[in-house]
Amino acid sequence: MSWSIVNFTGEEIIKLALEMERTGKVFYEKAASYAGDVQLKEILSYLSKEEEKHIRDFQKLGEKLANEFVPNETYAGEYGDYLKSIINNHIFNVNTVEDLVKGIKTDRDILQFALSFEKDSIMIFQEFENFVNKAGKDVINELIDEEKGHIKKINSLFQII
């Protein structure tokens, strides 16, 4: 994924978030076919459904976002460069999902990728908070809390797999 924008509009932020969530959904669906453990397959199915919910939440949030965000920068495009950097290095960059899935050797690999995705998502969602009003922050904080719950579920499987 490559971005060449200086100022992000609300629509662009939502597009980024939706792409990230859709990519996570695809990973969870594909990883389930590699999983050997029944509990892991169930968790991956659950996480895929959660990504669908997040997609709907971001679509609703997109309807409420202000059209333009002007960040406090020391040079033009500084904030855009930062945001592009964290999104381009997201574990589930849209260009790498197929390679990640093909590289899965064990159920623990799946858990590690899933854990990295959820942690990255929290970091990116925290950045999105800078773009939204109070109602938007509430939605994003709810999504962050859900991602934290996903991390707990994933970590609990590390104990048994």
N, C-alpha and C. Protein backbone atom coordinates (compact mmCIF):
# COMPACT_ATOMS: atom_id res chain seq x y z
N MET A 1 0.86 -1.17 0.00
CA MET A 1 0.00 0.00 0.00
C MET A 1 0.90 1.22 0.00
N SER A 2 0.62 2.15 -0.85
CA SER A 2 1.43 3.35 -0.96
C SER A 2 0.52 4.57 -0.97
N TRP A 3 0.85 5.57 -0.18
CA TRP A 3 0.01 6.77 -0.08
C TRP A 3 0.84 7.99 -0.44
N SER A 4 0.23 8.90 -1.18
CA SER A 4 0.96 10.10 -1.59
C SER A 4 0.13 11.34 -1.29
N ILE A 5 -0.42 11.39 -0.08
CA ILE A 5 -1.26 12.51 0.30
C ILE A 5 -0.58 13.30 1.39
N VAL A 6 -0.84 14.59 1.41
CA VAL A 6 -0.26 15.46 2.42
C VAL A 6 -1.23 15.62 3.58
N ASN A 7 -2.44 16.00 3.32
CA ASN A 7 -3.47 16.12 4.36
C ASN A 7 -4.51 15.04 4.13
N PHE A 8 -4.83 14.34 5.18
CA PHE A 8 -5.82 13.29 5.10
C PHE A 8 -7.21 13.87 5.29
N THR A 9 -8.14 13.46 4.45
CA THR A 9 -9.53 13.81 4.66
C THR A 9 -10.16 12.71 5.49
N GLY A 10 -11.32 12.99 6.06
CA GLY A 10 -12.04 11.97 6.80
C GLY A 10 -12.27 10.73 5.95
N GLU A 11 -12.60 10.95 4.69
CA GLU A 11 -12.84 9.83 3.77
C GLU A 11 -11.59 8.97 3.60
N GLU A 12 -10.43 9.60 3.52
CA GLU A 12 -9.18 8.86 3.35
C GLU A 12 -8.83 8.06 4.60
N ILE A 13 -9.07 8.64 5.77
CA ILE A 13 -8.82 7.94 7.03
C ILE A 13 -9.67 6.68 7.09
N ILE A 14 -10.93 6.83 6.76
CA ILE A 14 -11.85 5.69 6.78
C ILE A 14 -11.41 4.64 5.76
N LYS A 15 -10.97 5.09 4.60
CA LYS A 15 -10.50 4.15 3.57
C LYS A 15 -9.32 3.34 4.10
N LEU A 16 -8.39 4.00 4.78
CA LEU A 16 -7.24 3.30 5.37
C LEU A 16 -7.70 2.27 6.40
N ALA A 17 -8.58 2.69 7.28
CA ALA A 17 -9.06 1.80 8.34
C ALA A 17 -9.81 0.61 7.74
N LEU A 18 -10.65 0.87 6.76
CA LEU A 18 -11.42 -0.21 6.14
C LEU A 18 -10.49 -1.21 5.45
N GLU A 19 -9.49 -0.72 4.76
CA GLU A 19 -8.56 -1.61 4.09
C GLU A 19 -7.81 -2.47 5.10
N MET A 20 -7.40 -1.87 6.20
CA MET A 20 -6.70 -2.60 7.24
C MET A 20 -7.59 -3.70 7.82
N GLU A 21 -8.84 -3.37 8.11
CA GLU A 21 -9.77 -4.35 8.69
C GLU A 21 -10.12 -5.45 7.70
N ARG A 22 -10.32 -5.09 6.45
CA ARG A 22 -10.62 -6.11 5.43
C ARG A 22 -9.44 -7.07 5.27
N THR A 23 -8.25 -6.54 5.31
CA THR A 23 -7.06 -7.37 5.18
C THR A 23 -6.94 -8.32 6.37
N GLY A 24 -7.22 -7.83 7.57
CA GLY A 24 -7.22 -8.70 8.75
C GLY A 24 -8.25 -9.81 8.63
N LYS A 25 -9.43 -9.45 8.12
CA LYS A 25 -10.50 -10.44 7.94
C LYS A 25 -10.04 -11.54 6.99
N VAL A 26 -9.41 -11.16 5.88
CA VAL A 26 -8.91 -12.13 4.91
C VAL A 26 -7.86 -13.04 5.57
N PHE A 27 -6.95 -12.44 6.35
CA PHE A 27 -5.94 -13.26 7.02
C PHE A 27 -6.60 -14.28 7.94
N TYR A 28 -7.53 -13.84 8.78
CA TYR A 28 -8.16 -14.76 9.73
C TYR A 28 -8.89 -15.88 9.00
N GLU A 29 -9.54 -15.56 7.90
CA GLU A 29 -10.25 -16.59 7.13
C GLU A 29 -9.27 -17.60 6.53
N LYS A 30 -8.21 -17.09 5.92
CA LYS A 30 -7.23 -17.98 5.28
C LYS A 30 -6.44 -18.77 6.32
N ALA A 31 -6.09 -18.13 7.43
CA ALA A 31 -5.31 -18.81 8.47
C ALA A 31 -6.11 -19.96 9.09
N ALA A 32 -7.42 -19.82 9.14
CA ALA A 32 -8.25 -20.89 9.71
C ALA A 32 -8.06 -22.20 8.94
N SER A 33 -7.81 -22.09 7.64
CA SER A 33 -7.63 -23.32 6.85
C SER A 33 -6.28 -23.98 7.15
N TYR A 34 -5.35 -23.24 7.72
CA TYR A 34 -4.04 -23.79 8.09
C TYR A 34 -4.01 -24.29 9.54
N ALA A 35 -4.96 -23.82 10.34
CA ALA A 35 -4.95 -24.14 11.77
C ALA A 35 -5.27 -25.61 11.99
N GLY A 36 -4.53 -26.21 12.91
CA GLY A 36 -4.78 -27.60 13.26
C GLY A 36 -5.68 -27.74 14.47
N ASP A 37 -5.56 -26.82 15.40
CA ASP A 37 -6.30 -26.87 16.65
C ASP A 37 -7.73 -26.36 16.46
N VAL A 38 -8.70 -27.10 16.97
CA VAL A 38 -10.12 -26.74 16.83
C VAL A 38 -10.42 -25.41 17.51
N GLN A 39 -9.86 -25.20 18.70
CA GLN A 39 -10.09 -23.94 19.41
C GLN A 39 -9.54 -22.77 18.62
N LEU A 40 -8.38 -22.95 18.02
CA LEU A 40 -7.78 -21.89 17.21
C LEU A 40 -8.67 -21.57 16.02
N LYS A 41 -9.20 -22.59 15.36
CA LYS A 41 -10.11 -22.36 14.23
C LYS A 41 -11.32 -21.54 14.68
N GLU A 42 -11.86 -21.85 15.86
CA GLU A 42 -13.01 -21.12 16.39
C GLU A 42 -12.66 -19.66 16.67
N ILE A 43 -11.49 -19.44 17.26
CA ILE A 43 -11.05 -18.06 17.56
C ILE A 43 -10.83 -17.29 16.27
N LEU A 44 -10.25 -17.92 15.27
CA LEU A 44 -10.01 -17.23 14.00
C LEU A 44 -11.33 -16.87 13.33
N SER A 45 -12.31 -17.75 13.41
CA SER A 45 -13.64 -17.45 12.87
C SER A 45 -14.26 -16.27 13.62
N TYR A 46 -14.13 -16.28 14.94
CA TYR A 46 -14.62 -15.18 15.77
C TYR A 46 -13.93 -13.87 15.38
N LEU A 47 -12.60 -13.89 15.24
CA LEU A 47 -11.86 -12.68 14.90
C LEU A 47 -12.24 -12.16 13.52
N SER A 48 -12.50 -13.05 12.59
CA SER A 48 -12.96 -12.65 11.26
C SER A 48 -14.29 -11.90 11.36
N LYS A 49 -15.19 -12.42 12.17
CA LYS A 49 -16.49 -11.75 12.37
C LYS A 49 -16.31 -10.40 13.07
N GLU A 50 -15.36 -10.32 13.97
CA GLU A 50 -15.08 -9.05 14.64
C GLU A 50 -14.57 -8.02 13.64
N GLU A 51 -13.74 -8.45 12.70
CA GLU A 51 -13.26 -7.52 11.67
C GLU A 51 -14.43 -7.01 10.83
N GLU A 52 -15.40 -7.89 10.54
CA GLU A 52 -16.60 -7.45 9.82
C GLU A 52 -17.33 -6.37 10.61
N LYS A 53 -17.43 -6.56 11.92
CA LYS A 53 -18.09 -5.57 12.78
C LYS A 53 -17.31 -4.25 12.74
N HIS A 54 -15.99 -4.33 12.80
CA HIS A 54 -15.17 -3.12 12.75
C HIS A 54 -15.35 -2.39 11.42
N ILE A 55 -15.49 -3.14 10.36
CA ILE A 55 -15.73 -2.53 9.04
C ILE A 55 -17.01 -1.71 9.10
N ARG A 56 -18.08 -2.29 9.65
CA ARG A 56 -19.35 -1.56 9.77
C ARG A 56 -19.19 -0.33 10.66
N ASP A 57 -18.45 -0.49 11.78
CA ASP A 57 -18.23 0.64 12.69
C ASP A 57 -17.49 1.78 12.01
N PHE A 58 -16.46 1.45 11.24
CA PHE A 58 -15.71 2.50 10.54
C PHE A 58 -16.55 3.14 9.45
N GLN A 59 -17.41 2.37 8.80
CA GLN A 59 -18.29 2.97 7.78
C GLN A 59 -19.22 3.98 8.43
N LYS A 60 -19.76 3.64 9.60
CA LYS A 60 -20.63 4.57 10.33
C LYS A 60 -19.85 5.81 10.76
N LEU A 61 -18.64 5.58 11.26
CA LEU A 61 -17.79 6.69 11.69
C LEU A 61 -17.47 7.61 10.52
N GLY A 62 -17.27 7.04 9.35
CA GLY A 62 -16.97 7.83 8.16
C GLY A 62 -18.06 8.81 7.82
N GLU A 63 -19.30 8.44 8.12
CA GLU A 63 -20.42 9.33 7.86
C GLU A 63 -20.39 10.56 8.77
N LYS A 64 -19.70 10.44 9.93
CA LYS A 64 -19.69 11.51 10.91
C LYS A 64 -18.44 12.38 10.87
N LEU A 65 -17.36 11.86 10.25
CA LEU A 65 -16.08 12.58 10.29
C LEU A 65 -16.13 13.91 9.55
N ALA A 66 -15.40 14.83 10.07
CA ALA A 66 -15.23 16.11 9.36
C ALA A 66 -14.48 15.83 8.06
N ASN A 67 -14.66 16.65 7.07
CA ASN A 67 -14.08 16.41 5.75
C ASN A 67 -12.57 16.57 5.72
N GLU A 68 -12.03 17.45 6.51
CA GLU A 68 -10.58 17.73 6.41
C GLU A 68 -9.96 17.82 7.79
N PHE A 69 -8.79 17.26 7.94
CA PHE A 69 -8.00 17.35 9.17
C PHE A 69 -6.71 18.05 8.81
N VAL A 70 -6.37 19.09 9.55
CA VAL A 70 -5.10 19.79 9.31
C VAL A 70 -4.23 19.58 10.54
N PRO A 71 -3.21 18.75 10.42
CA PRO A 71 -2.39 18.43 11.57
C PRO A 71 -1.42 19.55 11.95
N ASN A 72 -0.95 19.52 13.18
CA ASN A 72 0.06 20.44 13.66
C ASN A 72 1.41 19.84 13.24
N GLU A 73 2.07 20.47 12.27
CA GLU A 73 3.29 19.89 11.71
C GLU A 73 4.44 20.89 11.74
N THR A 74 5.67 20.35 11.78
CA THR A 74 6.84 21.22 11.69
C THR A 74 7.22 21.43 10.22
N TYR A 75 6.75 20.55 9.33
CA TYR A 75 6.90 20.75 7.88
C TYR A 75 5.67 20.16 7.21
N ALA A 76 5.33 20.68 6.05
CA ALA A 76 4.14 20.22 5.33
C ALA A 76 4.27 18.73 5.02
N GLY A 77 3.27 17.97 5.42
CA GLY A 77 3.25 16.54 5.14
C GLY A 77 3.87 15.68 6.22
N GLU A 78 4.37 16.29 7.30
CA GLU A 78 5.02 15.53 8.36
C GLU A 78 4.09 14.46 8.95
N TYR A 79 2.88 14.86 9.31
CA TYR A 79 1.96 13.91 9.93
C TYR A 79 1.54 12.83 8.93
N GLY A 80 1.34 13.24 7.69
CA GLY A 80 1.01 12.27 6.65
C GLY A 80 2.13 11.24 6.46
N ASP A 81 3.37 11.71 6.48
CA ASP A 81 4.51 10.79 6.35
C ASP A 81 4.53 9.80 7.51
N TYR A 82 4.26 10.28 8.71
CA TYR A 82 4.25 9.41 9.88
C TYR A 82 3.15 8.37 9.77
N LEU A 83 1.95 8.81 9.44
CA LEU A 83 0.82 7.89 9.34
C LEU A 83 1.03 6.88 8.22
N LYS A 84 1.55 7.33 7.09
CA LYS A 84 1.85 6.41 5.99
C LYS A 84 2.85 5.36 6.45
N SER A 85 3.83 5.79 7.20
CA SER A 85 4.88 4.88 7.66
C SER A 85 4.30 3.78 8.55
N ILE A 86 3.46 4.13 9.51
CA ILE A 86 2.94 3.09 10.39
C ILE A 86 1.97 2.17 9.66
N ILE A 87 1.23 2.70 8.72
CA ILE A 87 0.29 1.85 7.97
C ILE A 87 1.05 0.95 7.00
N ASN A 88 2.05 1.50 6.32
CA ASN A 88 2.83 0.68 5.38
C ASN A 88 3.61 -0.42 6.07
N ASN A 89 3.90 -0.26 7.36
CA ASN A 89 4.63 -1.27 8.10
C ASN A 89 3.72 -2.15 8.95
N HIS A 90 2.43 -1.97 8.81
CA HIS A 90 1.45 -2.79 9.51
C HIS A 90 1.68 -4.25 9.13
N ILE A 91 1.59 -5.14 10.09
CA ILE A 91 1.87 -6.56 9.86
C ILE A 91 1.04 -7.12 8.71
N PHE A 92 -0.17 -6.63 8.53
CA PHE A 92 -1.03 -7.15 7.48
C PHE A 92 -1.16 -6.15 6.34
N ASN A 93 -0.07 -5.54 5.96
CA ASN A 93 -0.10 -4.71 4.77
C ASN A 93 -0.73 -5.55 3.67
N VAL A 94 -1.64 -4.95 2.94
CA VAL A 94 -2.42 -5.68 1.94
C VAL A 94 -1.54 -6.47 0.97
N ASN A 95 -0.33 -6.02 0.72
CA ASN A 95 0.56 -6.70 -0.22
C ASN A 95 1.22 -7.94 0.36
N THR A 96 1.13 -8.15 1.68
CA THR A 96 1.86 -9.25 2.31
C THR A 96 0.98 -10.35 2.87
N VAL A 97 -0.32 -10.22 2.86
CA VAL A 97 -1.20 -11.22 3.48
C VAL A 97 -0.99 -12.60 2.86
N GLU A 98 -0.97 -12.67 1.55
CA GLU A 98 -0.78 -13.97 0.90
C GLU A 98 0.55 -14.60 1.30
N ASP A 99 1.60 -13.79 1.34
CA ASP A 99 2.91 -14.31 1.74
C ASP A 99 2.91 -14.77 3.19
N LEU A 100 2.25 -14.00 4.07
CA LEU A 100 2.18 -14.40 5.47
C LEU A 100 1.48 -15.75 5.61
N VAL A 101 0.36 -15.90 4.95
CA VAL A 101 -0.41 -17.14 5.05
C VAL A 101 0.42 -18.31 4.52
N LYS A 102 1.10 -18.10 3.42
CA LYS A 102 1.92 -19.18 2.84
C LYS A 102 3.07 -19.55 3.77
N GLY A 103 3.51 -18.60 4.59
CA GLY A 103 4.63 -18.85 5.49
C GLY A 103 4.24 -19.52 6.80
N ILE A 104 2.97 -19.78 7.00
CA ILE A 104 2.52 -20.39 8.25
C ILE A 104 2.98 -21.84 8.31
N LYS A 105 3.66 -22.16 9.38
CA LYS A 105 4.14 -23.53 9.59
C LYS A 105 3.43 -24.20 10.76
N THR A 106 3.05 -23.39 11.76
CA THR A 106 2.46 -23.96 12.97
C THR A 106 1.30 -23.08 13.45
N ASP A 107 0.52 -23.64 14.35
CA ASP A 107 -0.56 -22.86 14.97
C ASP A 107 0.00 -21.68 15.75
N ARG A 108 1.16 -21.85 16.32
CA ARG A 108 1.79 -20.75 17.06
C ARG A 108 2.16 -19.60 16.11
N ASP A 109 2.53 -19.92 14.88
CA ASP A 109 2.80 -18.87 13.87
C ASP A 109 1.54 -18.03 13.66
N ILE A 110 0.41 -18.72 13.53
CA ILE A 110 -0.86 -18.01 13.34
C ILE A 110 -1.12 -17.09 14.51
N LEU A 111 -0.93 -17.60 15.72
CA LEU A 111 -1.17 -16.79 16.91
C LEU A 111 -0.24 -15.58 16.94
N GLN A 112 1.01 -15.78 16.57
CA GLN A 112 1.97 -14.66 16.58
C GLN A 112 1.59 -13.58 15.58
N PHE A 113 1.18 -13.99 14.37
CA PHE A 113 0.74 -13.02 13.37
C PHE A 113 -0.51 -12.29 13.85
N ALA A 114 -1.45 -13.04 14.42
CA ALA A 114 -2.69 -12.43 14.90
C ALA A 114 -2.41 -11.43 16.02
N LEU A 115 -1.52 -11.79 16.92
CA LEU A 115 -1.15 -10.90 18.02
C LEU A 115 -0.51 -9.62 17.49
N SER A 116 0.38 -9.75 16.52
CA SER A 116 1.02 -8.57 15.92
C SER A 116 -0.01 -7.68 15.24
N PHE A 117 -0.96 -8.30 14.54
CA PHE A 117 -2.01 -7.52 13.87
C PHE A 117 -2.82 -6.71 14.88
N GLU A 118 -3.24 -7.36 15.95
CA GLU A 118 -4.07 -6.67 16.94
C GLU A 118 -3.29 -5.53 17.60
N LYS A 119 -2.02 -5.75 17.90
CA LYS A 119 -1.21 -4.69 18.51
C LYS A 119 -1.02 -3.52 17.53
N ASP A 120 -0.72 -3.84 16.28
CA ASP A 120 -0.57 -2.79 15.27
C ASP A 120 -1.87 -2.00 15.11
N SER A 121 -2.98 -2.72 15.13
CA SER A 121 -4.28 -2.06 14.97
C SER A 121 -4.52 -1.06 16.08
N ILE A 122 -4.19 -1.43 17.30
CA ILE A 122 -4.36 -0.51 18.43
C ILE A 122 -3.53 0.75 18.20
N MET A 123 -2.28 0.59 17.80
CA MET A 123 -1.41 1.75 17.57
C MET A 123 -2.00 2.66 16.49
N ILE A 124 -2.47 2.08 15.41
CA ILE A 124 -3.01 2.87 14.31
C ILE A 124 -4.32 3.53 14.73
N PHE A 125 -5.18 2.81 15.44
CA PHE A 125 -6.44 3.40 15.92
C PHE A 125 -6.16 4.57 16.84
N GLN A 126 -5.13 4.46 17.68
CA GLN A 126 -4.80 5.58 18.56
C GLN A 126 -4.41 6.81 17.76
N GLU A 127 -3.76 6.62 16.63
CA GLU A 127 -3.43 7.75 15.76
C GLU A 127 -4.69 8.33 15.12
N PHE A 128 -5.64 7.47 14.77
CA PHE A 128 -6.88 7.95 14.17
C PHE A 128 -7.67 8.84 15.13
N GLU A 129 -7.45 8.66 16.42
CA GLU A 129 -8.15 9.51 17.41
C GLU A 129 -7.87 10.99 17.16
N ASN A 130 -6.71 11.30 16.60
CA ASN A 130 -6.35 12.69 16.33
C ASN A 130 -7.23 13.32 15.25
N PHE A 131 -7.97 12.50 14.52
CA PHE A 131 -8.74 12.98 13.39
C PHE A 131 -10.22 13.19 13.69
N VAL A 132 -10.67 12.80 14.84
CA VAL A 132 -12.11 12.71 15.06
C VAL A 132 -12.57 13.57 16.24
N ASN A 133 -13.87 13.84 16.24
CA ASN A 133 -14.47 14.59 17.34
C ASN A 133 -14.75 13.64 18.51
N LYS A 134 -15.43 14.13 19.53
CA LYS A 134 -15.70 13.34 20.74
C LYS A 134 -16.44 12.04 20.42
N ALA A 135 -17.46 12.11 19.59
CA ALA A 135 -18.23 10.91 19.24
C ALA A 135 -17.32 9.91 18.52
N GLY A 136 -16.47 10.41 17.62
CA GLY A 136 -15.53 9.55 16.91
C GLY A 136 -14.53 8.91 17.85
N LYS A 137 -14.05 9.69 18.83
CA LYS A 137 -13.11 9.15 19.81
C LYS A 137 -13.75 8.02 20.60
N ASP A 138 -15.03 8.19 20.94
CA ASP A 138 -15.73 7.13 21.68
C ASP A 138 -15.79 5.84 20.87
N VAL A 139 -16.07 5.96 19.58
CA VAL A 139 -16.12 4.78 18.70
C VAL A 139 -14.73 4.14 18.62
N ILE A 140 -13.72 4.95 18.41
CA ILE A 140 -12.36 4.41 18.27
C ILE A 140 -11.90 3.79 19.58
N ASN A 141 -12.21 4.41 20.71
CA ASN A 141 -11.84 3.82 21.99
C ASN A 141 -12.54 2.48 22.23
N GLU A 142 -13.76 2.37 21.76
CA GLU A 142 -14.48 1.10 21.86
C GLU A 142 -13.78 0.04 21.00
N LEU A 143 -13.36 0.44 19.80
CA LEU A 143 -12.63 -0.49 18.92
C LEU A 143 -11.30 -0.90 19.56
N ILE A 144 -10.62 0.05 20.18
CA ILE A 144 -9.35 -0.26 20.86
C ILE A 144 -9.60 -1.26 21.98
N ASP A 145 -10.65 -1.06 22.76
CA ASP A 145 -10.98 -2.00 23.84
C ASP A 145 -11.27 -3.39 23.28
N GLU A 146 -11.94 -3.46 22.14
CA GLU A 146 -12.21 -4.76 21.51
C GLU A 146 -10.91 -5.42 21.07
N GLU A 147 -9.99 -4.63 20.51
CA GLU A 147 -8.71 -5.18 20.08
C GLU A 147 -7.94 -5.72 21.30
N LYS A 148 -8.03 -5.03 22.42
CA LYS A 148 -7.37 -5.51 23.65
C LYS A 148 -7.98 -6.84 24.08
N GLY A 149 -9.29 -6.97 23.94
CA GLY A 149 -9.95 -8.24 24.24
C GLY A 149 -9.48 -9.35 23.31
N HIS A 150 -9.25 -9.00 22.04
CA HIS A 150 -8.74 -9.99 21.09
C HIS A 150 -7.35 -10.46 21.51
N ILE A 151 -6.53 -9.52 21.96
CA ILE A 151 -5.19 -9.87 22.43
C ILE A 151 -5.27 -10.86 23.59
N LYS A 152 -6.19 -10.63 24.51
CA LYS A 152 -6.35 -11.55 25.65
C LYS A 152 -6.74 -12.95 25.16
N LYS A 153 -7.67 -13.02 24.20
CA LYS A 153 -8.09 -14.32 23.66
C LYS A 153 -6.92 -15.03 22.98
N ILE A 154 -6.17 -14.28 22.19
CA ILE A 154 -5.03 -14.87 21.48
C ILE A 154 -3.98 -15.35 22.48
N ASN A 155 -3.68 -14.53 23.48
CA ASN A 155 -2.70 -14.92 24.49
C ASN A 155 -3.13 -16.16 25.26
N SER A 156 -4.43 -16.29 25.51
CA SER A 156 -4.90 -17.47 26.25
C SER A 156 -4.65 -18.75 25.45
N LEU A 157 -4.69 -18.67 24.13
CA LEU A 157 -4.42 -19.84 23.30
C LEU A 157 -2.95 -20.23 23.31
N PHE A 158 -2.07 -19.26 23.53
CA PHE A 158 -0.64 -19.58 23.60
C PHE A 158 -0.39 -20.58 24.74
N GLN A 159 -1.21 -20.53 25.78
CA GLN A 159 -1.03 -21.41 26.92
C GLN A 159 -1.36 -22.87 26.60
N ILE A 160 -2.26 -23.07 25.62
CA ILE A 160 -2.71 -24.44 25.36
C ILE A 160 -2.22 -25.01 24.04
N ILE A 161 -1.67 -24.16 23.20
CA ILE A 161 -1.20 -24.65 21.88
C ILE A 161 0.31 -24.77 21.88
